[in-house]
Every structure is written in C-alpha cells, then in structure tokens.
Amino acid sequence: MRCSVHARAVGFCHTLAGRLAESVPGQGPAPGGDGPPVSAGVASVAVVPNRFAADTLIDGAMRCLASAAASTTSAVKSIEVY
C-alpha cells in the first residue's frame, strides 16, 4: 500500500495541473479541451533504509517526469522507490 505522503503528493500535482490549465491567460480550457499540458513526476520512499542513496529517489522522479512529459496531455507519473 502506498504511503499517504505519496498519495497526497500525486493528488497535489493533479490539483495543480487543473488550476494551471484554468488560469493561463488565453490558454484556458477550450470546449472539449484541457488547456496547456502540465507534466509532473513524483517519487517517494515509504521507509528510508540505512545508507539510502538520495540519487535513487531523484532518478525515479526524473524518469516519471520524462514519462509524463512524453504525453500530449497533462499527466502525473509516480513511483515508490524501495
């Protein structure tokens, strides 16, 4: 089960994407459209092990961001790193 911090971070990204799409002047949601695409990548660790390399978390977030950015629509991709 994913940690609540992970779920809150993903939820925050979805909320932010929606608010940005509504607030960009001249680029707000058109009928049937979502406005400009917003991409986010989230990585989390439920329990940080001894000698955990922070780069592992950053690399996971960057991979998720790259995957989300490859989409033509707003997207949030996430991973829980072990």
Protein backbone atom coordinates (compact mmCIF):
# COMPACT_ATOMS: atom_id res chain seq x y z
CA MET A 1 0.00 0.00 0.00
CA ARG A 2 1.35 3.40 -0.94
CA CYS A 3 2.16 5.83 1.84
CA SER A 4 -0.22 8.71 2.46
CA VAL A 5 2.53 11.24 1.66
CA HIS A 6 2.88 9.70 -1.80
CA ALA A 7 -0.87 9.84 -2.40
CA ARG A 8 -1.03 13.45 -1.20
CA ALA A 9 1.86 14.47 -3.49
CA VAL A 10 0.19 12.88 -6.51
CA GLY A 11 -3.13 14.49 -5.59
CA PHE A 12 -1.43 17.87 -5.22
CA CYS A 13 0.09 17.53 -8.71
CA HIS A 14 -3.30 16.68 -10.23
CA THR A 15 -4.87 19.70 -8.48
CA LEU A 16 -2.05 21.99 -9.58
CA ALA A 17 -2.35 20.81 -13.20
CA GLY A 18 -6.07 21.56 -13.16
CA ARG A 19 -5.64 25.01 -11.65
CA LEU A 20 -2.86 25.95 -14.06
CA ALA A 21 -4.95 24.86 -17.02
CA GLU A 22 -7.74 27.16 -15.84
CA SER A 23 -5.56 30.18 -15.06
CA VAL A 24 -3.26 30.57 -18.07
CA PRO A 25 -4.49 33.70 -19.90
CA GLY A 26 -5.73 32.93 -23.39
CA GLN A 27 -4.98 29.24 -22.94
CA GLY A 28 -7.69 28.17 -20.55
CA PRO A 29 -9.72 25.07 -21.19
CA ALA A 30 -11.43 25.21 -24.55
CA PRO A 31 -14.67 23.34 -25.04
CA GLY A 32 -13.64 19.70 -25.05
CA GLY A 33 -10.01 20.56 -24.23
CA ASP A 34 -7.83 20.64 -21.15
CA GLY A 35 -5.77 23.77 -21.81
CA PRO A 36 -1.98 23.60 -21.88
CA PRO A 37 -0.47 20.27 -20.79
CA VAL A 38 1.21 20.09 -17.38
CA SER A 39 3.64 17.29 -16.51
CA ALA A 40 4.79 16.11 -13.07
CA GLY A 41 6.93 13.29 -11.75
CA VAL A 42 6.67 12.04 -8.15
CA ALA A 43 8.92 9.57 -6.36
CA SER A 44 8.68 8.57 -2.71
CA VAL A 45 10.15 6.19 -0.17
CA ALA A 46 7.84 4.69 2.46
CA VAL A 47 10.66 3.68 4.77
CA VAL A 48 14.14 5.07 4.23
CA PRO A 49 16.66 2.24 4.62
CA ASN A 50 20.08 2.69 6.16
CA ARG A 51 22.56 4.14 3.64
CA PHE A 52 19.80 5.08 1.21
CA ALA A 53 21.22 6.91 -1.81
CA ALA A 54 19.17 10.05 -2.44
CA ASP A 55 20.07 9.81 -6.12
CA THR A 56 17.78 6.78 -6.31
CA LEU A 57 14.81 8.96 -5.37
CA ILE A 58 15.82 11.79 -7.71
CA ASP A 59 16.38 9.39 -10.62
CA GLY A 60 12.92 7.88 -10.06
CA ALA A 61 11.28 11.31 -10.06
CA MET A 62 13.15 12.30 -13.23
CA ARG A 63 12.08 9.10 -15.02
CA CYS A 64 8.47 9.76 -14.03
CA LEU A 65 8.71 13.37 -15.21
CA ALA A 66 10.17 12.29 -18.56
CA SER A 67 7.36 9.77 -19.00
CA ALA A 68 4.71 12.35 -18.11
CA ALA A 69 6.27 14.92 -20.46
CA ALA A 70 6.14 12.42 -23.34
CA SER A 71 2.34 12.53 -23.11
CA THR A 72 0.41 15.03 -25.23
CA THR A 73 -1.96 15.71 -22.35
CA SER A 74 -1.48 16.72 -18.71
CA ALA A 75 -0.05 13.77 -16.82
CA VAL A 76 1.31 12.83 -13.40
CA LYS A 77 3.52 9.75 -13.18
CA SER A 78 4.70 8.34 -9.88
CA ILE A 79 6.79 5.58 -8.37
CA GLU A 80 7.51 4.32 -4.88
CA VAL A 81 11.21 3.55 -4.58
CA TYR A 82 12.43 0.68 -2.41
